[in-house]
Amino acid sequence: NPDGTSTYSMKTWSTTGPEPGWMRVVTEDASDLSA
């Protein structure tokens, strides 16, 4: 993010079903690794 924080998103679904929206989202502070 522009403020240096990082947002992580995750989802999982059965291959026979439709793709859902993001199921888990968390934003970590700017001390996270950039790569």
Full PDB file with SEQRES, HELIX, SHEET, SSBOND, CRYST1, ORIGX, SCALE, CONECT and MASTER records, all heavy atoms in Angstrom:
SEQRES   1 A   35  ASN PRO ASP GLY THR SER THR TYR SER MET LYS THR TRP          
SEQRES   2 A   35  SER THR THR GLY PRO GLU PRO GLY TRP MET ARG VAL VAL          
SEQRES   3 A   35  THR GLU ASP ALA SER ASP LEU SER ALA                          
SHEET    1 AA1 2 SER A   6  MET A  10  0                                        
SHEET    2 AA1 2 ARG A  24  GLU A  28 -1                                        
CRYST1    1.000    1.000    1.000  90.00  90.00  90.00 P 1           1          
ORIGX1      1.000000  0.000000  0.000000        0.00000                         
ORIGX2      0.000000  1.000000  0.000000        0.00000                         
ORIGX3      0.000000  0.000000  1.000000        0.00000                         
SCALE1      1.000000  0.000000  0.000000        0.00000                         
SCALE2      0.000000  1.000000  0.000000        0.00000                         
SCALE3      0.000000  0.000000  1.000000        0.00000                         
ATOM      1  N   ASN A   1       0.825  -1.207   0.000  1.00  0.00           N  
ATOM      2  CA  ASN A   1       0.000   0.000   0.000  1.00  0.00           C  
ATOM      3  C   ASN A   1       0.861   1.259   0.000  1.00  0.00           C  
ATOM      4  O   ASN A   1       2.036   1.206   0.378  1.00  0.00           O  
ATOM      5  CB  ASN A   1      -0.917  -0.022   1.228  1.00  0.00           C  
ATOM      6  CG  ASN A   1      -1.782  -1.271   1.248  1.00  0.00           C  
ATOM      7  OD1 ASN A   1      -2.398  -1.637   0.260  1.00  0.00           O  
ATOM      8  ND2 ASN A   1      -1.812  -1.949   2.381  1.00  0.00           N  
ATOM      9  N   PRO A   2       0.304   2.403  -0.431  1.00  0.00           N  
ATOM     10  CA  PRO A   2       1.078   3.650  -0.487  1.00  0.00           C  
ATOM     11  C   PRO A   2       1.712   4.043   0.856  1.00  0.00           C  
ATOM     12  O   PRO A   2       2.772   4.655   0.878  1.00  0.00           O  
ATOM     13  CB  PRO A   2       0.049   4.691  -0.930  1.00  0.00           C  
ATOM     14  CG  PRO A   2      -0.986   3.901  -1.669  1.00  0.00           C  
ATOM     15  CD  PRO A   2      -1.036   2.573  -0.979  1.00  0.00           C  
ATOM     16  N   ASP A   3       1.094   3.661   1.972  1.00  0.00           N  
ATOM     17  CA  ASP A   3       1.647   4.019   3.287  1.00  0.00           C  
ATOM     18  C   ASP A   3       2.705   3.034   3.777  1.00  0.00           C  
ATOM     19  O   ASP A   3       3.187   3.128   4.899  1.00  0.00           O  
ATOM     20  CB  ASP A   3       0.528   4.146   4.323  1.00  0.00           C  
ATOM     21  CG  ASP A   3      -0.204   2.831   4.570  1.00  0.00           C  
ATOM     22  OD1 ASP A   3       0.112   1.816   3.916  1.00  0.00           O  
ATOM     23  OD2 ASP A   3      -1.114   2.831   5.429  1.00  0.00           O  
ATOM     24  N   GLY A   4       3.088   2.059   2.926  1.00  0.00           N  
ATOM     25  CA  GLY A   4       4.125   1.106   3.280  1.00  0.00           C  
ATOM     26  C   GLY A   4       3.615  -0.154   3.945  1.00  0.00           C  
ATOM     27  O   GLY A   4       4.379  -1.084   4.179  1.00  0.00           O  
ATOM     28  N   THR A   5       2.328  -0.221   4.278  1.00  0.00           N  
ATOM     29  CA  THR A   5       1.760  -1.441   4.842  1.00  0.00           C  
ATOM     30  C   THR A   5       1.549  -2.470   3.728  1.00  0.00           C  
ATOM     31  O   THR A   5       1.613  -2.131   2.544  1.00  0.00           O  
ATOM     32  CB  THR A   5       0.417  -1.156   5.547  1.00  0.00           C  
ATOM     33  OG1 THR A   5      -0.512  -0.636   4.587  1.00  0.00           O  
ATOM     34  CG2 THR A   5       0.593  -0.163   6.694  1.00  0.00           C  
ATOM     35  N   SER A   6       1.289  -3.705   4.106  1.00  0.00           N  
ATOM     36  CA  SER A   6       1.037  -4.767   3.131  1.00  0.00           C  
ATOM     37  C   SER A   6      -0.299  -5.416   3.433  1.00  0.00           C  
ATOM     38  O   SER A   6      -0.594  -5.740   4.590  1.00  0.00           O  
ATOM     39  CB  SER A   6       2.126  -5.834   3.202  1.00  0.00           C  
ATOM     40  OG  SER A   6       3.387  -5.285   2.889  1.00  0.00           O  
ATOM     41  N   THR A   7      -1.132  -5.620   2.406  1.00  0.00           N  
ATOM     42  CA  THR A   7      -2.422  -6.282   2.562  1.00  0.00           C  
ATOM     43  C   THR A   7      -2.343  -7.666   1.940  1.00  0.00           C  
ATOM     44  O   THR A   7      -1.997  -7.802   0.766  1.00  0.00           O  
ATOM     45  CB  THR A   7      -3.555  -5.460   1.918  1.00  0.00           C  
ATOM     46  OG1 THR A   7      -3.614  -4.188   2.569  1.00  0.00           O  
ATOM     47  CG2 THR A   7      -4.899  -6.157   2.056  1.00  0.00           C  
ATOM     48  N   TYR A   8      -2.673  -8.692   2.749  1.00  0.00           N  
ATOM     49  CA  TYR A   8      -2.648 -10.084   2.328  1.00  0.00           C  
ATOM     50  C   TYR A   8      -4.081 -10.582   2.194  1.00  0.00           C  
ATOM     51  O   TYR A   8      -4.905 -10.362   3.083  1.00  0.00           O  
ATOM     52  CB  TYR A   8      -1.905 -10.938   3.362  1.00  0.00           C  
ATOM     53  CG  TYR A   8      -0.457 -10.554   3.509  1.00  0.00           C  
ATOM     54  CD1 TYR A   8      -0.076  -9.545   4.371  1.00  0.00           C  
ATOM     55  CD2 TYR A   8       0.524 -11.209   2.772  1.00  0.00           C  
ATOM     56  CE1 TYR A   8       1.258  -9.183   4.505  1.00  0.00           C  
ATOM     57  CE2 TYR A   8       1.853 -10.845   2.893  1.00  0.00           C  
ATOM     58  CZ  TYR A   8       2.218  -9.836   3.763  1.00  0.00           C  
ATOM     59  OH  TYR A   8       3.533  -9.488   3.888  1.00  0.00           O  
ATOM     60  N   SER A   9      -4.382 -11.261   1.098  1.00  0.00           N  
ATOM     61  CA  SER A   9      -5.726 -11.796   0.851  1.00  0.00           C  
ATOM     62  C   SER A   9      -5.611 -13.267   0.475  1.00  0.00           C  
ATOM     63  O   SER A   9      -4.653 -13.678  -0.182  1.00  0.00           O  
ATOM     64  CB  SER A   9      -6.400 -11.036  -0.301  1.00  0.00           C  
ATOM     65  OG  SER A   9      -6.393  -9.651  -0.054  1.00  0.00           O  
ATOM     66  N   MET A  10      -6.618 -14.060   0.884  1.00  0.00           N  
ATOM     67  CA  MET A  10      -6.592 -15.490   0.609  1.00  0.00           C  
ATOM     68  C   MET A  10      -8.015 -15.997   0.389  1.00  0.00           C  
ATOM     69  O   MET A  10      -8.964 -15.511   1.000  1.00  0.00           O  
ATOM     70  CB  MET A  10      -5.979 -16.229   1.798  1.00  0.00           C  
ATOM     71  CG  MET A  10      -5.984 -17.724   1.643  1.00  0.00           C  
ATOM     72  SD  MET A  10      -5.136 -18.661   2.952  1.00  0.00           S  
ATOM     73  CE  MET A  10      -5.211 -17.646   4.368  1.00  0.00           C  
ATOM     74  N   LYS A  11      -8.132 -16.993  -0.499  1.00  0.00           N  
ATOM     75  CA  LYS A  11      -9.407 -17.686  -0.696  1.00  0.00           C  
ATOM     76  C   LYS A  11      -9.130 -19.087  -1.205  1.00  0.00           C  
ATOM     77  O   LYS A  11      -8.070 -19.369  -1.763  1.00  0.00           O  
ATOM     78  CB  LYS A  11     -10.312 -16.927  -1.673  1.00  0.00           C  
ATOM     79  CG  LYS A  11      -9.735 -16.670  -3.050  1.00  0.00           C  
ATOM     80  CD  LYS A  11     -10.714 -15.847  -3.858  1.00  0.00           C  
ATOM     81  CE  LYS A  11     -10.069 -15.138  -5.013  1.00  0.00           C  
ATOM     82  NZ  LYS A  11     -11.047 -14.333  -5.755  1.00  0.00           N  
ATOM     83  N   THR A  12     -10.084 -19.973  -0.990  1.00  0.00           N  
ATOM     84  CA  THR A  12     -10.008 -21.334  -1.503  1.00  0.00           C  
ATOM     85  C   THR A  12     -11.422 -21.787  -1.846  1.00  0.00           C  
ATOM     86  O   THR A  12     -12.390 -21.314  -1.254  1.00  0.00           O  
ATOM     87  CB  THR A  12      -9.351 -22.294  -0.485  1.00  0.00           C  
ATOM     88  OG1 THR A  12      -9.220 -23.586  -1.085  1.00  0.00           O  
ATOM     89  CG2 THR A  12     -10.153 -22.402   0.785  1.00  0.00           C  
ATOM     90  N   TRP A  13     -11.516 -22.669  -2.827  1.00  0.00           N  
ATOM     91  CA  TRP A  13     -12.832 -23.159  -3.237  1.00  0.00           C  
ATOM     92  C   TRP A  13     -12.668 -24.463  -3.992  1.00  0.00           C  
ATOM     93  O   TRP A  13     -11.616 -24.770  -4.535  1.00  0.00           O  
ATOM     94  CB  TRP A  13     -13.560 -22.113  -4.090  1.00  0.00           C  
ATOM     95  CG  TRP A  13     -12.948 -21.836  -5.430  1.00  0.00           C  
ATOM     96  CD1 TRP A  13     -13.348 -22.357  -6.632  1.00  0.00           C  
ATOM     97  CD2 TRP A  13     -11.842 -20.990  -5.733  1.00  0.00           C  
ATOM     98  NE1 TRP A  13     -12.559 -21.886  -7.648  1.00  0.00           N  
ATOM     99  CE2 TRP A  13     -11.621 -21.033  -7.119  1.00  0.00           C  
ATOM    100  CE3 TRP A  13     -10.995 -20.189  -4.949  1.00  0.00           C  
ATOM    101  CZ2 TRP A  13     -10.591 -20.331  -7.746  1.00  0.00           C  
ATOM    102  CZ3 TRP A  13      -9.975 -19.482  -5.589  1.00  0.00           C  
ATOM    103  CH2 TRP A  13      -9.792 -19.561  -6.977  1.00  0.00           C  
ATOM    104  N   SER A  14     -13.736 -25.251  -3.998  1.00  0.00           N  
ATOM    105  CA  SER A  14     -13.749 -26.502  -4.744  1.00  0.00           C  
ATOM    106  C   SER A  14     -13.657 -26.178  -6.234  1.00  0.00           C  
ATOM    107  O   SER A  14     -14.292 -25.237  -6.709  1.00  0.00           O  
ATOM    108  CB  SER A  14     -15.037 -27.271  -4.446  1.00  0.00           C  
ATOM    109  OG  SER A  14     -15.215 -28.305  -5.383  1.00  0.00           O  
ATOM    110  N   THR A  15     -12.907 -26.959  -6.975  1.00  0.00           N  
ATOM    111  CA  THR A  15     -12.752 -26.706  -8.418  1.00  0.00           C  
ATOM    112  C   THR A  15     -14.060 -26.863  -9.175  1.00  0.00           C  
ATOM    113  O   THR A  15     -14.179 -26.398 -10.300  1.00  0.00           O  
ATOM    114  CB  THR A  15     -11.691 -27.638  -9.038  1.00  0.00           C  
ATOM    115  OG1 THR A  15     -12.051 -28.992  -8.775  1.00  0.00           O  
ATOM    116  CG2 THR A  15     -10.320 -27.354  -8.478  1.00  0.00           C  
ATOM    117  N   THR A  16     -15.068 -27.479  -8.549  1.00  0.00           N  
ATOM    118  CA  THR A  16     -16.367 -27.626  -9.218  1.00  0.00           C  
ATOM    119  C   THR A  16     -17.296 -26.454  -8.923  1.00  0.00           C  
ATOM    120  O   THR A  16     -18.381 -26.380  -9.481  1.00  0.00           O  
ATOM    121  CB  THR A  16     -17.065 -28.938  -8.791  1.00  0.00           C  
ATOM    122  OG1 THR A  16     -17.269 -28.914  -7.377  1.00  0.00           O  
ATOM    123  CG2 THR A  16     -16.231 -30.143  -9.185  1.00  0.00           C  
ATOM    124  N   GLY A  17     -16.887 -25.551  -8.040  1.00  0.00           N  
ATOM    125  CA  GLY A  17     -17.729 -24.419  -7.678  1.00  0.00           C  
ATOM    126  C   GLY A  17     -17.209 -23.111  -8.229  1.00  0.00           C  
ATOM    127  O   GLY A  17     -16.111 -23.046  -8.778  1.00  0.00           O  
ATOM    128  N   PRO A  18     -17.987 -22.030  -8.066  1.00  0.00           N  
ATOM    129  CA  PRO A  18     -17.548 -20.723  -8.543  1.00  0.00           C  
ATOM    130  C   PRO A  18     -16.487 -20.123  -7.623  1.00  0.00           C  
ATOM    131  O   PRO A  18     -16.427 -20.439  -6.436  1.00  0.00           O  
ATOM    132  CB  PRO A  18     -18.832 -19.884  -8.487  1.00  0.00           C  
ATOM    133  CG  PRO A  18     -19.635 -20.516  -7.405  1.00  0.00           C  
ATOM    134  CD  PRO A  18     -19.317 -21.988  -7.471  1.00  0.00           C  
ATOM    135  N   GLU A  19     -15.650 -19.265  -8.192  1.00  0.00           N  
ATOM    136  CA  GLU A  19     -14.618 -18.595  -7.397  1.00  0.00           C  
ATOM    137  C   GLU A  19     -15.272 -17.564  -6.473  1.00  0.00           C  
ATOM    138  O   GLU A  19     -16.017 -16.702  -6.924  1.00  0.00           O  
ATOM    139  CB  GLU A  19     -13.610 -17.909  -8.309  1.00  0.00           C  
ATOM    140  CG  GLU A  19     -12.496 -17.229  -7.555  1.00  0.00           C  
ATOM    141  CD  GLU A  19     -11.416 -16.659  -8.462  1.00  0.00           C  
ATOM    142  OE1 GLU A  19     -11.353 -17.016  -9.657  1.00  0.00           O  
ATOM    143  OE2 GLU A  19     -10.636 -15.841  -7.967  1.00  0.00           O  
ATOM    144  N   PRO A  20     -14.991 -17.645  -5.157  1.00  0.00           N  
ATOM    145  CA  PRO A  20     -15.588 -16.693  -4.213  1.00  0.00           C  
ATOM    146  C   PRO A  20     -14.785 -15.397  -4.141  1.00  0.00           C  
ATOM    147  O   PRO A  20     -13.703 -15.293  -4.724  1.00  0.00           O  
ATOM    148  CB  PRO A  20     -15.496 -17.451  -2.883  1.00  0.00           C  
ATOM    149  CG  PRO A  20     -14.237 -18.246  -3.017  1.00  0.00           C  
ATOM    150  CD  PRO A  20     -14.200 -18.661  -4.480  1.00  0.00           C  
ATOM    151  N   GLY A  21     -15.308 -14.448  -3.387  1.00  0.00           N  
ATOM    152  CA  GLY A  21     -14.535 -13.247  -3.066  1.00  0.00           C  
ATOM    153  C   GLY A  21     -13.449 -13.618  -2.070  1.00  0.00           C  
ATOM    154  O   GLY A  21     -13.360 -14.762  -1.610  1.00  0.00           O  
ATOM    155  N   TRP A  22     -12.614 -12.648  -1.705  1.00  0.00           N  
ATOM    156  CA  TRP A  22     -11.544 -12.914  -0.739  1.00  0.00           C  
ATOM    157  C   TRP A  22     -12.155 -13.314   0.598  1.00  0.00           C  
ATOM    158  O   TRP A  22     -13.035 -12.653   1.115  1.00  0.00           O  
ATOM    159  CB  TRP A  22     -10.646 -11.688  -0.590  1.00  0.00           C  
ATOM    160  CG  TRP A  22      -9.913 -11.385  -1.856  1.00  0.00           C  
ATOM    161  CD1 TRP A  22     -10.139 -10.340  -2.707  1.00  0.00           C  
ATOM    162  CD2 TRP A  22      -8.870 -12.155  -2.449  1.00  0.00           C  
ATOM    163  NE1 TRP A  22      -9.297 -10.410  -3.787  1.00  0.00           N  
ATOM    164  CE2 TRP A  22      -8.500 -11.520  -3.650  1.00  0.00           C  
ATOM    165  CE3 TRP A  22      -8.200 -13.319  -2.086  1.00  0.00           C  
ATOM    166  CZ2 TRP A  22      -7.503 -12.011  -4.480  1.00  0.00           C  
ATOM    167  CZ3 TRP A  22      -7.203 -13.804  -2.922  1.00  0.00           C  
ATOM    168  CH2 TRP A  22      -6.863 -13.145  -4.102  1.00  0.00           C  
ATOM    169  N   MET A  23     -11.688 -14.423   1.146  1.00  0.00           N  
ATOM    170  CA  MET A  23     -12.261 -14.971   2.373  1.00  0.00           C  
ATOM    171  C   MET A  23     -11.541 -14.473   3.624  1.00  0.00           C  
ATOM    172  O   MET A  23     -12.148 -14.361   4.679  1.00  0.00           O  
ATOM    173  CB  MET A  23     -12.209 -16.497   2.316  1.00  0.00           C  
ATOM    174  CG  MET A  23     -12.992 -17.054   1.131  1.00  0.00           C  
ATOM    175  SD  MET A  23     -12.613 -18.770   0.807  1.00  0.00           S  
ATOM    176  CE  MET A  23     -13.648 -19.565   1.993  1.00  0.00           C  
ATOM    177  N   ARG A  24     -10.268 -14.229   3.529  1.00  0.00           N  
ATOM    178  CA  ARG A  24      -9.478 -13.743   4.657  1.00  0.00           C  
ATOM    179  C   ARG A  24      -8.594 -12.620   4.145  1.00  0.00           C  
ATOM    180  O   ARG A  24      -7.857 -12.784   3.179  1.00  0.00           O  
ATOM    181  CB  ARG A  24      -8.602 -14.844   5.255  1.00  0.00           C  
ATOM    182  CG  ARG A  24      -9.361 -16.055   5.741  1.00  0.00           C  
ATOM    183  CD  ARG A  24     -10.408 -15.774   6.787  1.00  0.00           C  
ATOM    184  NE  ARG A  24      -9.820 -15.270   8.007  1.00  0.00           N  
ATOM    185  CZ  ARG A  24     -10.470 -14.488   8.870  1.00  0.00           C  
ATOM    186  NH1 ARG A  24     -11.707 -14.136   8.656  1.00  0.00           N  
ATOM    187  NH2 ARG A  24      -9.883 -14.069   9.958  1.00  0.00           N  
ATOM    188  N   VAL A  25      -8.649 -11.466   4.808  1.00  0.00           N  
ATOM    189  CA  VAL A  25      -7.844 -10.307   4.430  1.00  0.00           C  
ATOM    190  C   VAL A  25      -7.252  -9.715   5.704  1.00  0.00           C  
ATOM    191  O   VAL A  25      -7.953  -9.577   6.709  1.00  0.00           O  
ATOM    192  CB  VAL A  25      -8.689  -9.234   3.708  1.00  0.00           C  
ATOM    193  CG1 VAL A  25      -7.850  -8.013   3.364  1.00  0.00           C  
ATOM    194  CG2 VAL A  25      -9.326  -9.806   2.449  1.00  0.00           C  
ATOM    195  N   VAL A  26      -5.968  -9.414   5.679  1.00  0.00           N  
ATOM    196  CA  VAL A  26      -5.311  -8.782   6.824  1.00  0.00           C  
ATOM    197  C   VAL A  26      -4.287  -7.779   6.289  1.00  0.00           C  
ATOM    198  O   VAL A  26      -3.665  -8.012   5.258  1.00  0.00           O  
ATOM    199  CB  VAL A  26      -4.642  -9.829   7.751  1.00  0.00           C  
ATOM    200  CG1 VAL A  26      -3.505 -10.548   7.059  1.00  0.00           C  
ATOM    201  CG2 VAL A  26      -4.191  -9.206   9.051  1.00  0.00           C  
ATOM    202  N   THR A  27      -4.149  -6.657   6.977  1.00  0.00           N  
ATOM    203  CA  THR A  27      -3.130  -5.657   6.626  1.00  0.00           C  
ATOM    204  C   THR A  27      -2.100  -5.616   7.744  1.00  0.00           C  
ATOM    205  O   THR A  27      -2.450  -5.492   8.918  1.00  0.00           O  
ATOM    206  CB  THR A  27      -3.766  -4.270   6.425  1.00  0.00           C  
ATOM    207  OG1 THR A  27      -4.692  -4.357   5.338  1.00  0.00           O  
ATOM    208  CG2 THR A  27      -2.715  -3.225   6.085  1.00  0.00           C  
ATOM    209  N   GLU A  28      -0.839  -5.748   7.357  1.00  0.00           N  
ATOM    210  CA  GLU A  28       0.272  -5.734   8.313  1.00  0.00           C  
ATOM    211  C   GLU A  28       0.955  -4.373   8.257  1.00  0.00           C  
ATOM    212  O   GLU A  28       0.878  -3.661   7.256  1.00  0.00           O  
ATOM    213  CB  GLU A  28       1.280  -6.839   7.970  1.00  0.00           C  
ATOM    214  CG  GLU A  28       0.693  -8.232   7.995  1.00  0.00           C  
ATOM    215  CD  GLU A  28       0.432  -8.754   9.401  1.00  0.00           C  
ATOM    216  OE1 GLU A  28       0.857  -8.113  10.381  1.00  0.00           O  
ATOM    217  OE2 GLU A  28      -0.198  -9.815   9.517  1.00  0.00           O  
ATOM    218  N   ASP A  29       1.685  -4.028   9.315  1.00  0.00           N  
ATOM    219  CA  ASP A  29       2.309  -2.709   9.379  1.00  0.00           C  
ATOM    220  C   ASP A  29       3.505  -2.591   8.433  1.00  0.00           C  
ATOM    221  O   ASP A  29       3.902  -3.549   7.784  1.00  0.00           O  
ATOM    222  CB  ASP A  29       2.684  -2.348  10.812  1.00  0.00           C  
ATOM    223  CG  ASP A  29       3.742  -3.259  11.408  1.00  0.00           C  
ATOM    224  OD1 ASP A  29       4.591  -3.785  10.662  1.00  0.00           O  
ATOM    225  OD2 ASP A  29       3.728  -3.444  12.631  1.00  0.00           O  
ATOM    226  N   ALA A  30       4.095  -1.408   8.389  1.00  0.00           N  
ATOM    227  CA  ALA A  30       5.156  -1.103   7.425  1.00  0.00           C  
ATOM    228  C   ALA A  30       6.468  -1.829   7.725  1.00  0.00           C  
ATOM    229  O   ALA A  30       7.391  -1.765   6.919  1.00  0.00           O  
ATOM    230  CB  ALA A  30       5.387   0.402   7.374  1.00  0.00           C  
ATOM    231  N   SER A  31       6.568  -2.549   8.844  1.00  0.00           N  
ATOM    232  CA  SER A  31       7.799  -3.285   9.143  1.00  0.00           C  
ATOM    233  C   SER A  31       7.879  -4.600   8.374  1.00  0.00           C  
ATOM    234  O   SER A  31       8.877  -5.307   8.461  1.00  0.00           O  
ATOM    235  CB  SER A  31       7.903  -3.559  10.650  1.00  0.00           C  
ATOM    236  OG  SER A  31       6.894  -4.469  11.049  1.00  0.00           O  
ATOM    237  N   ASP A  32       6.823  -4.940   7.623  1.00  0.00           N  
ATOM    238  CA  ASP A  32       6.830  -6.165   6.816  1.00  0.00           C  
ATOM    239  C   ASP A  32       7.899  -6.104   5.732  1.00  0.00           C  
ATOM    240  O   ASP A  32       8.354  -5.026   5.350  1.00  0.00           O  
ATOM    241  CB  ASP A  32       5.465  -6.359   6.141  1.00  0.00           C  
ATOM    242  CG  ASP A  32       4.680  -7.495   6.758  1.00  0.00           C  
ATOM    243  OD1 ASP A  32       5.163  -8.075   7.738  1.00  0.00           O  
ATOM    244  OD2 ASP A  32       3.603  -7.792   6.260  1.00  0.00           O  
ATOM    245  N   LEU A  33       8.271  -7.265   5.229  1.00  0.00           N  
ATOM    246  CA  LEU A  33       9.249  -7.331   4.142  1.00  0.00           C  
ATOM    247  C   LEU A  33       8.649  -6.791   2.856  1.00  0.00           C  
ATOM    248  O   LEU A  33       7.475  -6.977   2.590  1.00  0.00           O  
ATOM    249  CB  LEU A  33       9.693  -8.781   3.930  1.00  0.00           C  
ATOM    250  CG  LEU A  33      10.340  -9.445   5.144  1.00  0.00           C  
ATOM    251  CD1 LEU A  33      10.608 -10.910   4.847  1.00  0.00           C  
ATOM    252  CD2 LEU A  33      11.614  -8.740   5.523  1.00  0.00           C  
ATOM    253  N   SER A  34       9.471  -6.150   2.037  1.00  0.00           N  
ATOM    254  CA  SER A  34       8.967  -5.589   0.778  1.00  0.00           C  
ATOM    255  C   SER A  34       9.101  -6.567  -0.382  1.00  0.00           C  
ATOM    256  O   SER A  34       8.614  -6.301  -1.474  1.00  0.00           O  
ATOM    257  CB  SER A  34       9.716  -4.302   0.453  1.00  0.00           C  
ATOM    258  OG  SER A  34      11.102  -4.574   0.316  1.00  0.00           O  
ATOM    259  N   ALA A  35       9.766  -7.687  -0.186  1.00  0.00           N  
ATOM    260  CA  ALA A  35       9.928  -8.694  -1.237  1.00  0.00           C  
ATOM    261  C   ALA A  35      10.071 -10.048  -0.553  1.00  0.00           C  
ATOM    262  O   ALA A  35      10.359 -10.125   0.635  1.00  0.00           O  
ATOM    263  CB  ALA A  35      11.159  -8.390  -2.090  1.00  0.00           C  
TER     264      ALA A  35                                                      
MASTER        0    0    0    0    2    0    0    6  263    1    0    3          
END                                                                             
